Amino acid sequence: MDWNTRLEISVGNKVISPIDSFTPTISAPKTVLHSIEQENVGFVYQPRVATFQMQVQAIGSSVAELTKMALAGTKFDIQVAEKQGTDWSFKKLLFRNCVITSANPSNVVVNGAPVATFSGSILGFGGDKDIEL
């Protein structure tokens, strides 16, 4: 496969950093509802929650800028970069209004580039216009 697309972090129209690894977790919890007459009559829906963990290479100023964004509570978007080729699973993927809740800059390593890990919440997700297969 020739992977010509990538995920990246952007604030407004400015690209902050490409993402090496991205793991979103979306939960839509439901509690089973019972009545006196019958079991399992329905669900009580609870709010959806979306979180993420991502890793970026700790080279250049991107980790410092992401850490600054975490401290300031700056919202940003995670999106698929310009699509080239036909090997990407999504035509469009967008997580809007993300906020970093935890930053773990990497230790210095002897070989290879250090990697920083960031965790956070996704406030805008799941709209019909955000994901296209």
Protein backbone atom coordinates (compact mmCIF):
# COMPACT_ATOMS: atom_id res chain seq x y z
CA MET A 1 0.00 0.00 0.00
CA ASP A 2 1.06 3.54 -0.68
CA TRP A 3 -0.19 5.69 2.19
CA ASN A 4 -0.41 9.19 0.78
CA THR A 5 -2.76 10.60 3.41
CA ARG A 6 -2.35 11.34 7.09
CA LEU A 7 -4.13 12.72 10.11
CA GLU A 8 -3.08 16.14 11.27
CA ILE A 9 -3.91 18.73 13.91
CA SER A 10 -5.09 22.13 12.75
CA VAL A 11 -6.13 25.32 14.50
CA GLY A 12 -8.15 27.41 12.08
CA ASN A 13 -6.39 26.92 8.74
CA LYS A 14 -2.93 26.43 10.29
CA VAL A 15 -1.53 22.88 10.45
CA ILE A 16 0.23 22.32 13.78
CA SER A 17 1.52 18.77 13.42
CA PRO A 18 0.99 15.47 11.63
CA ILE A 19 -0.11 12.59 13.90
CA ASP A 20 1.88 9.33 14.10
CA SER A 21 -0.72 7.38 16.07
CA PHE A 22 -4.35 8.23 16.85
CA THR A 23 -6.78 6.18 18.96
CA PRO A 24 -10.28 7.61 19.37
CA THR A 25 -12.71 6.07 21.86
CA ILE A 26 -16.40 6.82 21.47
CA SER A 27 -18.86 5.54 24.03
CA ALA A 28 -22.63 5.76 23.83
CA PRO A 29 -23.72 4.29 27.16
CA LYS A 30 -27.21 2.93 27.63
CA THR A 31 -28.87 1.51 30.73
CA VAL A 32 -31.50 -1.20 30.31
CA LEU A 33 -34.92 -0.10 31.55
CA HIS A 34 -37.20 -2.57 33.36
CA SER A 35 -40.77 -2.23 34.56
CA ILE A 36 -42.78 -4.07 37.19
CA GLU A 37 -44.59 -6.04 34.48
CA GLN A 38 -41.72 -6.79 32.11
CA GLU A 39 -37.94 -6.88 31.88
CA ASN A 40 -35.87 -5.18 29.19
CA VAL A 41 -38.54 -2.79 27.96
CA GLY A 42 -36.13 -0.17 26.66
CA PHE A 43 -33.04 1.90 27.28
CA VAL A 44 -32.18 5.09 29.07
CA TYR A 45 -29.66 6.83 26.84
CA GLN A 46 -26.78 8.68 28.45
CA PRO A 47 -24.64 11.36 26.81
CA ARG A 48 -22.08 10.22 24.26
CA VAL A 49 -18.46 10.75 25.20
CA ALA A 50 -15.50 10.83 22.83
CA THR A 51 -11.87 10.84 23.91
CA PHE A 52 -8.58 10.31 22.11
CA GLN A 53 -4.95 9.46 22.59
CA MET A 54 -2.42 10.54 19.99
CA GLN A 55 1.30 10.42 19.50
CA VAL A 56 3.42 12.91 17.59
CA GLN A 57 7.14 12.98 16.97
CA ALA A 58 8.83 15.35 19.39
CA ILE A 59 10.82 17.18 16.76
CA GLY A 60 10.61 20.85 15.88
CA SER A 61 8.27 23.10 17.80
CA SER A 62 5.08 21.01 17.46
CA VAL A 63 5.23 19.40 20.94
CA ALA A 64 5.89 22.75 22.60
CA GLU A 65 2.97 24.28 20.69
CA LEU A 66 0.65 21.37 21.61
CA THR A 67 1.68 21.61 25.27
CA LYS A 68 0.99 25.36 25.18
CA MET A 69 -2.43 24.61 23.66
CA ALA A 70 -3.10 22.09 26.47
CA LEU A 71 -2.28 24.65 29.16
CA ALA A 72 -4.42 27.33 27.49
CA GLY A 73 -7.34 25.00 26.75
CA THR A 74 -7.16 25.86 23.04
CA LYS A 75 -9.66 23.95 20.88
CA PHE A 76 -8.45 22.38 17.64
CA ASP A 77 -9.55 20.01 14.88
CA ILE A 78 -8.16 16.60 13.95
CA GLN A 79 -8.74 15.88 10.29
CA VAL A 80 -7.56 13.86 7.34
CA ALA A 81 -5.00 15.76 5.31
CA GLU A 82 -5.59 16.26 1.60
CA LYS A 83 -6.48 12.92 0.08
CA GLN A 84 -4.27 11.52 -2.66
CA GLY A 85 -4.68 7.98 -3.92
CA THR A 86 -7.46 5.48 -3.19
CA ASP A 87 -6.00 3.57 -0.25
CA TRP A 88 -7.48 5.57 2.65
CA SER A 89 -10.51 4.19 4.52
CA PHE A 90 -12.25 7.56 4.78
CA LYS A 91 -12.97 10.22 2.22
CA LYS A 92 -13.45 12.64 5.08
CA LEU A 93 -12.85 12.41 8.83
CA LEU A 94 -13.15 15.35 11.18
CA PHE A 95 -13.16 15.61 14.96
CA ARG A 96 -14.05 19.20 15.86
CA ASN A 97 -13.29 21.19 19.00
CA CYS A 98 -10.76 18.83 20.55
CA VAL A 99 -9.10 19.78 23.84
CA ILE A 100 -5.93 18.24 25.29
CA THR A 101 -6.41 17.08 28.88
CA SER A 102 -3.06 15.35 29.39
CA ALA A 103 0.39 15.92 27.86
CA ASN A 104 3.31 13.52 28.23
CA PRO A 105 6.38 14.81 26.40
CA SER A 106 8.83 12.02 25.65
CA ASN A 107 12.10 11.22 27.31
CA VAL A 108 15.23 11.80 25.26
CA VAL A 109 16.14 8.68 23.29
CA VAL A 110 19.48 7.58 21.87
CA ASN A 111 18.13 6.36 18.54
CA GLY A 112 15.13 7.54 16.56
CA ALA A 113 12.91 10.52 17.21
CA PRO A 114 11.32 10.92 20.64
CA VAL A 115 7.53 10.63 20.74
CA ALA A 116 5.13 12.73 22.81
CA THR A 117 1.72 11.41 23.88
CA PHE A 118 -1.36 13.59 24.29
CA SER A 119 -4.83 12.63 25.55
CA GLY A 120 -7.98 14.65 25.35
CA SER A 121 -11.69 15.05 24.72
CA ILE A 122 -13.52 15.49 21.43
CA LEU A 123 -16.39 17.94 21.88
CA GLY A 124 -17.67 17.88 18.29
CA PHE A 125 -18.03 14.52 16.57
CA GLY A 126 -20.42 12.30 14.72
CA GLY A 127 -22.16 14.81 12.52
CA ASP A 128 -23.30 13.63 9.10
CA LYS A 129 -20.88 16.08 7.49
CA ASP A 130 -17.88 14.96 9.60
CA ILE A 131 -17.41 11.40 8.32
CA GLU A 132 -17.64 10.02 4.79
CA LEU A 133 -16.68 6.48 3.85
